[in-house]
């Protein structure tokens, strides 16, 4: 079996997709606002592996489900390259008790293709809680599942788990692009992945771990009071069994970074 490095990177990045310690505060966040008003928009510069693209995210409309009102997010020309814009594109978000809850399918960048289908459909999945403490889990249960795929003769059992966590509360935050924001809270989305496969040794089938359980994707989003997400830092990485790496002709480890910087915005 032979899989290219880029193919494997896409595999782990799909399932799904940090920068400052300025003046950490544990003050009252009861007045922290996450605007969800129709017509509001945010434009981000997205830097991935030295390449820069641009995403335009906006609140297009609203809908009511089971007496709850959700805002529907869209992107310009239905295109998104950054993790954050991709995650919200065509999905529904509502606020309840200081939490942002997402309903829909967690998406990825439109320019990526994948050899299998994964169920990341979410129903009121908490993506942010202004009252959460640092590293507090935000959902009672993570979104989990298993994909069984055979690639070039190797059967793969891919187990995944998606969860979000509370982050820091900062009186001020300096984005890596130099912009300073006040009253900032962060939140993290983590995708944990475990892959096993079957090999035959002296006529006997054995299960081996191709990818030990690890967070292959960690996205840290920084939200500023009254603005929304001002910066997202996403790390995709993996460390694979050396034997499997040799068999698949791939690197044993790989890490990629992506940053989304808020440029223009308007809150209605």
C-alpha atoms as a PDB file:
ATOM      1  CA  UNK A   1       0.000   0.000   0.000  1.00  0.00           C
ATOM      2  CA  UNK A   2       1.325   3.448  -0.879  1.00  0.00           C
ATOM      3  CA  UNK A   3      -0.307   6.743   0.067  1.00  0.00           C
ATOM      4  CA  UNK A   4       1.231  10.126  -0.665  1.00  0.00           C
ATOM      5  CA  UNK A   5       2.166  12.456   2.177  1.00  0.00           C
ATOM      6  CA  UNK A   6      -0.394  14.989   1.001  1.00  0.00           C
ATOM      7  CA  UNK A   7      -3.104  12.308   0.896  1.00  0.00           C
ATOM      8  CA  UNK A   8      -2.441  11.295   4.490  1.00  0.00           C
ATOM      9  CA  UNK A   9      -2.296  14.923   5.618  1.00  0.00           C
ATOM     10  CA  UNK A  10      -5.693  15.487   4.003  1.00  0.00           C
ATOM     11  CA  UNK A  11      -7.030  12.398   5.764  1.00  0.00           C
ATOM     12  CA  UNK A  12      -6.094  13.607   9.239  1.00  0.00           C
ATOM     13  CA  UNK A  13      -6.899  17.255   8.545  1.00  0.00           C
ATOM     14  CA  UNK A  14     -10.381  16.364   7.334  1.00  0.00           C
ATOM     15  CA  UNK A  15     -11.550  14.619  10.494  1.00  0.00           C
ATOM     16  CA  UNK A  16     -13.180  17.539  10.776  1.00  0.00           C
ATOM     17  CA  UNK A  17      -9.475  21.709  11.024  1.00  0.00           C
ATOM     18  CA  UNK A  18      -2.114  29.844  21.439  1.00  0.00           C
ATOM     19  CA  UNK A  19      -0.810  32.977  20.174  1.00  0.00           C
ATOM     20  CA  UNK A  20      -0.876  35.241  23.261  1.00  0.00           C
ATOM     21  CA  UNK A  21      -0.916  35.217  27.062  1.00  0.00           C
ATOM     22  CA  UNK A  22      -1.580  38.932  27.448  1.00  0.00           C
ATOM     23  CA  UNK A  23      -3.006  40.025  30.794  1.00  0.00           C
ATOM     24  CA  UNK A  24      -5.059  36.983  31.718  1.00  0.00           C
ATOM     25  CA  UNK A  25      -8.124  37.917  33.756  1.00  0.00           C
ATOM     26  CA  UNK A  26     -10.622  35.942  35.800  1.00  0.00           C
ATOM     27  CA  UNK A  27     -13.133  38.777  35.991  1.00  0.00           C
ATOM     28  CA  UNK A  28     -16.893  38.697  35.495  1.00  0.00           C
ATOM     29  CA  UNK A  29     -17.848  37.868  31.901  1.00  0.00           C
ATOM     30  CA  UNK A  30     -21.620  38.228  32.302  1.00  0.00           C
ATOM     31  CA  UNK A  31     -21.690  41.239  29.929  1.00  0.00           C
ATOM     32  CA  UNK A  32     -19.604  39.561  27.222  1.00  0.00           C
ATOM     33  CA  UNK A  33     -21.502  39.850  23.928  1.00  0.00           C
ATOM     34  CA  UNK A  34     -21.303  37.558  20.893  1.00  0.00           C
ATOM     35  CA  UNK A  35     -23.319  39.379  18.204  1.00  0.00           C
ATOM     36  CA  UNK A  36     -25.718  37.369  16.055  1.00  0.00           C
ATOM     37  CA  UNK A  37     -27.527  40.065  14.086  1.00  0.00           C
ATOM     38  CA  UNK A  38     -28.754  39.781  10.512  1.00  0.00           C
ATOM     39  CA  UNK A  39     -26.478  41.399   7.955  1.00  0.00           C
ATOM     40  CA  UNK A  40     -23.397  41.410  10.168  1.00  0.00           C
ATOM     41  CA  UNK A  41     -20.238  40.317   8.365  1.00  0.00           C
ATOM     42  CA  UNK A  42     -16.583  39.496   9.038  1.00  0.00           C
ATOM     43  CA  UNK A  43     -13.735  39.320   6.506  1.00  0.00           C
ATOM     44  CA  UNK A  44     -10.652  37.230   7.302  1.00  0.00           C
ATOM     45  CA  UNK A  45      -7.198  36.921   5.775  1.00  0.00           C
ATOM     46  CA  UNK A  46      -6.324  33.218   5.858  1.00  0.00           C
ATOM     47  CA  UNK A  47      -2.655  32.199   5.920  1.00  0.00           C
ATOM     48  CA  UNK A  48      -1.930  28.507   5.307  1.00  0.00           C
ATOM     49  CA  UNK A  49       1.574  27.164   4.682  1.00  0.00           C
ATOM     50  CA  UNK A  50       2.717  30.493   3.276  1.00  0.00           C
ATOM     51  CA  UNK A  51      -0.344  31.008   1.047  1.00  0.00           C
ATOM     52  CA  UNK A  52      -2.869  33.776   1.737  1.00  0.00           C
ATOM     53  CA  UNK A  53      -6.561  33.685   0.811  1.00  0.00           C
ATOM     54  CA  UNK A  54      -9.582  35.679   1.942  1.00  0.00           C
ATOM     55  CA  UNK A  55     -12.890  34.585   3.475  1.00  0.00           C
ATOM     56  CA  UNK A  56     -16.041  36.684   3.829  1.00  0.00           C
ATOM     57  CA  UNK A  57     -18.477  35.345   6.433  1.00  0.00           C
ATOM     58  CA  UNK A  58     -21.898  36.880   7.071  1.00  0.00           C
ATOM     59  CA  UNK A  59     -25.265  36.214   8.736  1.00  0.00           C
ATOM     60  CA  UNK A  60     -27.690  35.754   5.875  1.00  0.00           C
ATOM     61  CA  UNK A  61     -31.025  34.824   7.429  1.00  0.00           C
ATOM     62  CA  UNK A  62     -32.705  33.082  10.325  1.00  0.00           C
ATOM     63  CA  UNK A  63     -34.885  30.056  10.903  1.00  0.00           C
ATOM     64  CA  UNK A  64     -36.927  28.618  13.761  1.00  0.00           C
ATOM     65  CA  UNK A  65     -36.543  25.022  14.908  1.00  0.00           C
ATOM     66  CA  UNK A  66     -38.506  23.711  17.895  1.00  0.00           C
ATOM     67  CA  UNK A  67     -39.289  27.280  19.003  1.00  0.00           C
ATOM     68  CA  UNK A  68     -35.596  28.259  18.949  1.00  0.00           C
ATOM     69  CA  UNK A  69     -34.330  30.911  16.506  1.00  0.00           C
ATOM     70  CA  UNK A  70     -31.076  30.193  14.668  1.00  0.00           C
ATOM     71  CA  UNK A  71     -28.974  32.508  12.521  1.00  0.00           C
ATOM     72  CA  UNK A  72     -27.795  31.030   9.216  1.00  0.00           C
ATOM     73  CA  UNK A  73     -24.189  31.814   8.240  1.00  0.00           C
ATOM     74  CA  UNK A  74     -23.042  32.079   4.639  1.00  0.00           C
ATOM     75  CA  UNK A  75     -19.785  32.868   2.872  1.00  0.00           C
ATOM     76  CA  UNK A  76     -19.242  34.922  -0.232  1.00  0.00           C
ATOM     77  CA  UNK A  77     -19.692  32.771  -3.358  1.00  0.00           C
ATOM     78  CA  UNK A  78     -20.160  29.817  -0.976  1.00  0.00           C
ATOM     79  CA  UNK A  79     -16.360  29.538  -0.668  1.00  0.00           C
ATOM     80  CA  UNK A  80     -14.316  29.222   2.527  1.00  0.00           C
ATOM     81  CA  UNK A  81     -10.651  28.358   2.975  1.00  0.00           C
ATOM     82  CA  UNK A  82     -10.225  28.926   6.717  1.00  0.00           C
ATOM     83  CA  UNK A  83     -11.282  26.463   9.373  1.00  0.00           C
ATOM     84  CA  UNK A  84     -13.571  28.883  11.204  1.00  0.00           C
ATOM     85  CA  UNK A  85     -15.431  30.172   8.147  1.00  0.00           C
ATOM     86  CA  UNK A  86     -15.693  26.616   6.810  1.00  0.00           C
ATOM     87  CA  UNK A  87     -17.127  25.400  10.118  1.00  0.00           C
ATOM     88  CA  UNK A  88     -19.919  28.016  10.098  1.00  0.00           C
ATOM     89  CA  UNK A  89     -20.665  28.139   6.386  1.00  0.00           C
ATOM     90  CA  UNK A  90     -24.306  27.141   5.654  1.00  0.00           C
ATOM     91  CA  UNK A  91     -24.807  26.162   9.287  1.00  0.00           C
ATOM     92  CA  UNK A  92     -27.162  27.440  11.975  1.00  0.00           C
ATOM     93  CA  UNK A  93     -26.077  29.078  15.238  1.00  0.00           C
ATOM     94  CA  UNK A  94     -28.074  30.250  18.246  1.00  0.00           C
ATOM     95  CA  UNK A  95     -27.203  31.683  21.643  1.00  0.00           C
ATOM     96  CA  UNK A  96     -28.547  30.308  24.915  1.00  0.00           C
ATOM     97  CA  UNK A  97     -27.323  31.144  28.416  1.00  0.00           C
ATOM     98  CA  UNK A  98     -24.058  32.565  27.144  1.00  0.00           C
ATOM     99  CA  UNK A  99     -23.388  29.596  24.869  1.00  0.00           C
ATOM    100  CA  UNK A 100     -23.162  29.455  21.088  1.00  0.00           C
ATOM    101  CA  UNK A 101     -24.737  26.259  19.750  1.00  0.00           C
ATOM    102  CA  UNK A 102     -24.139  25.013  16.218  1.00  0.00           C
ATOM    103  CA  UNK A 103     -26.518  22.829  14.229  1.00  0.00           C
ATOM    104  CA  UNK A 104     -25.519  21.477  10.816  1.00  0.00           C
ATOM    105  CA  UNK A 105     -22.611  19.694   9.158  1.00  0.00           C
ATOM    106  CA  UNK A 106     -19.113  20.692  10.206  1.00  0.00           C
ATOM    107  CA  UNK A 107     -17.511  21.671   6.944  1.00  0.00           C
ATOM    108  CA  UNK A 108     -14.008  21.967   5.579  1.00  0.00           C
ATOM    109  CA  UNK A 109     -12.340  24.114   2.956  1.00  0.00           C
ATOM    110  CA  UNK A 110     -14.025  23.835  -0.424  1.00  0.00           C
ATOM    111  CA  UNK A 111     -10.759  23.190  -2.270  1.00  0.00           C
ATOM    112  CA  UNK A 112     -10.111  19.896  -0.485  1.00  0.00           C
ATOM    113  CA  UNK A 113     -11.397  16.481  -1.576  1.00  0.00           C
ATOM    114  CA  UNK A 114     -11.546  13.257   0.398  1.00  0.00           C
ATOM    115  CA  UNK A 115     -11.739   9.536  -0.330  1.00  0.00           C
ATOM    116  CA  UNK A 116     -14.464   8.788   2.230  1.00  0.00           C
ATOM    117  CA  UNK A 117     -17.477  10.268   3.976  1.00  0.00           C
ATOM    118  CA  UNK A 118     -17.508  11.149   7.652  1.00  0.00           C
ATOM    119  CA  UNK A 119     -20.548  12.040   9.736  1.00  0.00           C
ATOM    120  CA  UNK A 120     -19.867  15.333  11.480  1.00  0.00           C
ATOM    121  CA  UNK A 121     -23.517  16.377  11.605  1.00  0.00           C
ATOM    122  CA  UNK A 122     -24.065  18.335  14.798  1.00  0.00           C
ATOM    123  CA  UNK A 123     -27.199  19.202  16.779  1.00  0.00           C
ATOM    124  CA  UNK A 124     -26.854  22.119  19.202  1.00  0.00           C
ATOM    125  CA  UNK A 125     -23.156  21.358  19.611  1.00  0.00           C
ATOM    126  CA  UNK A 126     -21.646  23.958  21.945  1.00  0.00           C
ATOM    127  CA  UNK A 127     -18.785  25.781  20.227  1.00  0.00           C
ATOM    128  CA  UNK A 128     -18.385  28.611  22.771  1.00  0.00           C
ATOM    129  CA  UNK A 129     -19.409  29.321  26.369  1.00  0.00           C
ATOM    130  CA  UNK A 130     -18.568  32.747  27.766  1.00  0.00           C
ATOM    131  CA  UNK A 131     -18.839  31.422  31.330  1.00  0.00           C
ATOM    132  CA  UNK A 132     -16.621  28.339  30.848  1.00  0.00           C
ATOM    133  CA  UNK A 133     -13.361  27.952  32.728  1.00  0.00           C
ATOM    134  CA  UNK A 134     -10.091  27.195  30.963  1.00  0.00           C
ATOM    135  CA  UNK A 135     -10.032  23.612  29.552  1.00  0.00           C
ATOM    136  CA  UNK A 136     -13.622  22.924  30.667  1.00  0.00           C
ATOM    137  CA  UNK A 137     -15.395  20.540  28.277  1.00  0.00           C
ATOM    138  CA  UNK A 138     -18.364  22.275  26.682  1.00  0.00           C
ATOM    139  CA  UNK A 139     -20.441  19.291  25.576  1.00  0.00           C
ATOM    140  CA  UNK A 140     -21.723  16.533  27.870  1.00  0.00           C
ATOM    141  CA  UNK A 141     -20.670  14.010  25.223  1.00  0.00           C
ATOM    142  CA  UNK A 142     -18.325  14.479  22.252  1.00  0.00           C
ATOM    143  CA  UNK A 143     -19.315  13.784  18.675  1.00  0.00           C
ATOM    144  CA  UNK A 144     -17.887  10.334  17.943  1.00  0.00           C
ATOM    145  CA  UNK A 145     -17.907   7.795  15.153  1.00  0.00           C
ATOM    146  CA  UNK A 146     -16.021   5.095  13.265  1.00  0.00           C
ATOM    147  CA  UNK A 147     -15.154   4.882   9.583  1.00  0.00           C
ATOM    148  CA  UNK A 148     -14.167   1.562   8.041  1.00  0.00           C
ATOM    149  CA  UNK A 149     -12.217   1.927   4.828  1.00  0.00           C
ATOM    150  CA  UNK A 150     -10.021  -0.340   2.739  1.00  0.00           C
ATOM    151  CA  UNK A 151      -7.263   1.572   0.987  1.00  0.00           C
ATOM    152  CA  UNK A 152      -4.877  -0.255  -1.339  1.00  0.00           C
ATOM    153  CA  UNK A 153      -5.724  -3.524   0.349  1.00  0.00           C
ATOM    154  CA  UNK A 154      -5.313  -2.312   3.938  1.00  0.00           C
ATOM    155  CA  UNK A 155      -8.499  -2.249   6.051  1.00  0.00           C
ATOM    156  CA  UNK A 156      -8.536   0.858   8.245  1.00  0.00           C
ATOM    157  CA  UNK A 157     -10.738   1.407  11.283  1.00  0.00           C
ATOM    158  CA  UNK A 158     -10.775   5.166  11.876  1.00  0.00           C
ATOM    159  CA  UNK A 159     -12.219   6.229  15.233  1.00  0.00           C
ATOM    160  CA  UNK A 160     -12.788   9.938  15.803  1.00  0.00           C
ATOM    161  CA  UNK A 161     -13.986  12.192  18.620  1.00  0.00           C
ATOM    162  CA  UNK A 162     -14.857  15.901  18.359  1.00  0.00           C
ATOM    163  CA  UNK A 163     -15.083  18.078  21.489  1.00  0.00           C
ATOM    164  CA  UNK A 164     -14.836  21.760  22.423  1.00  0.00           C
ATOM    165  CA  UNK A 165     -13.199  23.315  25.469  1.00  0.00           C
ATOM    166  CA  UNK A 166     -13.296  26.626  27.302  1.00  0.00           C
ATOM    167  CA  UNK A 167     -10.252  28.836  26.982  1.00  0.00           C
ATOM    168  CA  UNK A 168      -8.578  31.880  28.484  1.00  0.00           C
ATOM    169  CA  UNK A 169     -10.218  35.118  29.575  1.00  0.00           C
ATOM    170  CA  UNK A 170      -7.993  38.053  28.579  1.00  0.00           C
ATOM    171  CA  UNK A 171      -8.317  41.734  29.365  1.00  0.00           C
ATOM    172  CA  UNK A 172      -6.382  42.361  26.152  1.00  0.00           C
ATOM    173  CA  UNK A 173      -5.142  40.187  23.337  1.00  0.00           C
ATOM    174  CA  UNK A 174      -2.559  40.973  20.679  1.00  0.00           C
ATOM    175  CA  UNK A 175      -3.247  39.060  17.487  1.00  0.00           C
ATOM    176  CA  UNK A 176      -0.167  37.769  15.631  1.00  0.00           C
ATOM    177  CA  UNK A 177      -0.851  40.429  12.975  1.00  0.00           C
ATOM    178  CA  UNK A 178      -0.314  43.110  15.641  1.00  0.00           C
ATOM    179  CA  UNK A 179      -3.934  44.149  16.182  1.00  0.00           C
ATOM    180  CA  UNK A 180      -4.891  44.630  19.825  1.00  0.00           C
ATOM    181  CA  UNK A 181      -8.337  43.622  21.079  1.00  0.00           C
ATOM    182  CA  UNK A 182      -9.864  44.062  24.525  1.00  0.00           C
ATOM    183  CA  UNK A 183     -12.160  41.784  26.543  1.00  0.00           C
ATOM    184  CA  UNK A 184     -11.282  38.535  24.784  1.00  0.00           C
ATOM    185  CA  UNK A 185     -12.217  34.934  25.490  1.00  0.00           C
ATOM    186  CA  UNK A 186     -10.943  31.880  23.637  1.00  0.00           C
ATOM    187  CA  UNK A 187     -12.417  28.483  22.864  1.00  0.00           C
ATOM    188  CA  UNK A 188     -10.841  25.314  21.453  1.00  0.00           C
ATOM    189  CA  UNK A 189     -12.121  22.646  19.090  1.00  0.00           C
ATOM    190  CA  UNK A 190     -10.204  19.373  19.178  1.00  0.00           C
ATOM    191  CA  UNK A 191     -10.484  16.378  16.901  1.00  0.00           C
ATOM    192  CA  UNK A 192      -8.988  13.184  18.324  1.00  0.00           C
ATOM    193  CA  UNK A 193      -8.183  10.360  15.947  1.00  0.00           C
ATOM    194  CA  UNK A 194      -7.195   6.707  16.312  1.00  0.00           C
ATOM    195  CA  UNK A 195      -6.523   4.352  13.378  1.00  0.00           C
ATOM    196  CA  UNK A 196      -5.981   0.607  13.487  1.00  0.00           C
ATOM    197  CA  UNK A 197      -5.368  -1.844  10.650  1.00  0.00           C
ATOM    198  CA  UNK A 198      -5.040  -5.562  10.018  1.00  0.00           C
ATOM    199  CA  UNK A 199      -1.833  -7.168   8.779  1.00  0.00           C
ATOM    200  CA  UNK A 200      -0.962 -10.793   8.144  1.00  0.00           C
ATOM    201  CA  UNK A 201       2.149 -12.212   9.806  1.00  0.00           C
ATOM    202  CA  UNK A 202       3.110 -15.832   9.055  1.00  0.00           C
ATOM    203  CA  UNK A 203      -0.433 -16.522   7.928  1.00  0.00           C
ATOM    204  CA  UNK A 204      -2.011 -15.022  11.049  1.00  0.00           C
ATOM    205  CA  UNK A 205      -4.050 -11.789  11.034  1.00  0.00           C
ATOM    206  CA  UNK A 206      -3.051  -9.208  13.626  1.00  0.00           C
ATOM    207  CA  UNK A 207      -4.509  -5.830  14.581  1.00  0.00           C
ATOM    208  CA  UNK A 208      -1.935  -3.092  14.925  1.00  0.00           C
ATOM    209  CA  UNK A 209      -2.239   0.584  15.786  1.00  0.00           C
ATOM    210  CA  UNK A 210      -1.431   2.755  12.794  1.00  0.00           C
ATOM    211  CA  UNK A 211      -2.194   6.024  14.566  1.00  0.00           C
ATOM    212  CA  UNK A 212      -2.316   6.068  18.374  1.00  0.00           C
ATOM    213  CA  UNK A 213      -5.084   8.241  19.886  1.00  0.00           C
ATOM    214  CA  UNK A 214      -4.035  11.858  19.433  1.00  0.00           C
ATOM    215  CA  UNK A 215      -5.447  15.306  18.743  1.00  0.00           C
ATOM    216  CA  UNK A 216      -4.825  15.630  15.020  1.00  0.00           C
ATOM    217  CA  UNK A 217      -6.616  18.958  14.822  1.00  0.00           C
ATOM    218  CA  UNK A 218      -6.711  21.768  17.396  1.00  0.00           C
ATOM    219  CA  UNK A 219      -8.381  25.055  16.468  1.00  0.00           C
ATOM    220  CA  UNK A 220      -8.168  27.922  18.965  1.00  0.00           C
ATOM    221  CA  UNK A 221     -10.594  30.777  18.348  1.00  0.00           C
ATOM    222  CA  UNK A 222     -10.345  34.174  20.045  1.00  0.00           C
ATOM    223  CA  UNK A 223     -13.562  36.174  20.454  1.00  0.00           C
ATOM    224  CA  UNK A 224     -13.666  39.861  21.365  1.00  0.00           C
ATOM    225  CA  UNK A 225     -16.607  41.375  23.213  1.00  0.00           C
ATOM    226  CA  UNK A 226     -19.131  42.806  20.772  1.00  0.00           C
ATOM    227  CA  UNK A 227     -17.180  41.696  17.692  1.00  0.00           C
ATOM    228  CA  UNK A 228     -17.008  37.915  17.556  1.00  0.00           C
ATOM    229  CA  UNK A 229     -14.068  35.822  16.353  1.00  0.00           C
ATOM    230  CA  UNK A 230     -11.010  38.011  15.709  1.00  0.00           C
ATOM    231  CA  UNK A 231      -8.370  35.314  15.247  1.00  0.00           C
ATOM    232  CA  UNK A 232      -8.263  31.536  14.737  1.00  0.00           C
ATOM    233  CA  UNK A 233      -5.110  29.428  14.981  1.00  0.00           C
ATOM    234  CA  UNK A 234      -5.434  25.861  13.686  1.00  0.00           C
ATOM    235  CA  UNK A 235      -2.844  23.106  13.979  1.00  0.00           C
ATOM    236  CA  UNK A 236      -3.177  19.787  12.154  1.00  0.00           C
ATOM    237  CA  UNK A 237      -0.584  17.155  13.026  1.00  0.00           C
ATOM    238  CA  UNK A 238      -0.007  13.431  13.299  1.00  0.00           C
ATOM    239  CA  UNK A 239       2.565  10.928  14.493  1.00  0.00           C
ATOM    240  CA  UNK A 240       2.162   7.510  12.925  1.00  0.00           C
ATOM    241  CA  UNK A 241       3.576   4.064  13.725  1.00  0.00           C
ATOM    242  CA  UNK A 242       7.048   3.828  12.149  1.00  0.00           C
ATOM    243  CA  UNK A 243       6.294   0.415  10.627  1.00  0.00           C
ATOM    244  CA  UNK A 244       3.121   1.742   9.024  1.00  0.00           C
ATOM    245  CA  UNK A 245       4.953   4.839   7.826  1.00  0.00           C
ATOM    246  CA  UNK A 246       7.463   2.596   6.061  1.00  0.00           C
ATOM    247  CA  UNK A 247       4.739   0.407   4.566  1.00  0.00           C
ATOM    248  CA  UNK A 248       2.788   3.432   3.334  1.00  0.00           C
ATOM    249  CA  UNK A 249       5.859   5.413   2.264  1.00  0.00           C
ATOM    250  CA  UNK A 250       4.807   8.449   4.310  1.00  0.00           C
ATOM    251  CA  UNK A 251       6.474  10.635   6.909  1.00  0.00           C
ATOM    252  CA  UNK A 252       6.179   9.420  10.479  1.00  0.00           C
ATOM    253  CA  UNK A 253       5.132  12.903  11.637  1.00  0.00           C
ATOM    254  CA  UNK A 254       3.770  16.036  10.017  1.00  0.00           C
ATOM    255  CA  UNK A 255       2.465  19.389  11.287  1.00  0.00           C
ATOM    256  CA  UNK A 256       0.692  22.182   9.444  1.00  0.00           C
ATOM    257  CA  UNK A 257      -0.556  25.574  10.645  1.00  0.00           C
ATOM    258  CA  UNK A 258      -3.304  27.934   9.581  1.00  0.00           C
ATOM    259  CA  UNK A 259      -4.142  31.422  10.874  1.00  0.00           C
ATOM    260  CA  UNK A 260      -7.271  33.469  10.212  1.00  0.00           C
ATOM    261  CA  UNK A 261      -6.973  37.212  10.898  1.00  0.00           C
ATOM    262  CA  UNK A 262      -9.976  39.525  11.134  1.00  0.00           C
ATOM    263  CA  UNK A 263      -9.633  42.397   8.658  1.00  0.00           C
ATOM    264  CA  UNK A 264     -12.996  44.112   8.103  1.00  0.00           C
ATOM    265  CA  UNK A 265     -16.262  43.668   9.969  1.00  0.00           C
ATOM    266  CA  UNK A 266     -19.622  45.290  10.521  1.00  0.00           C
ATOM    267  CA  UNK A 267     -22.045  44.492  13.345  1.00  0.00           C
ATOM    268  CA  UNK A 268     -25.657  45.557  12.675  1.00  0.00           C
END
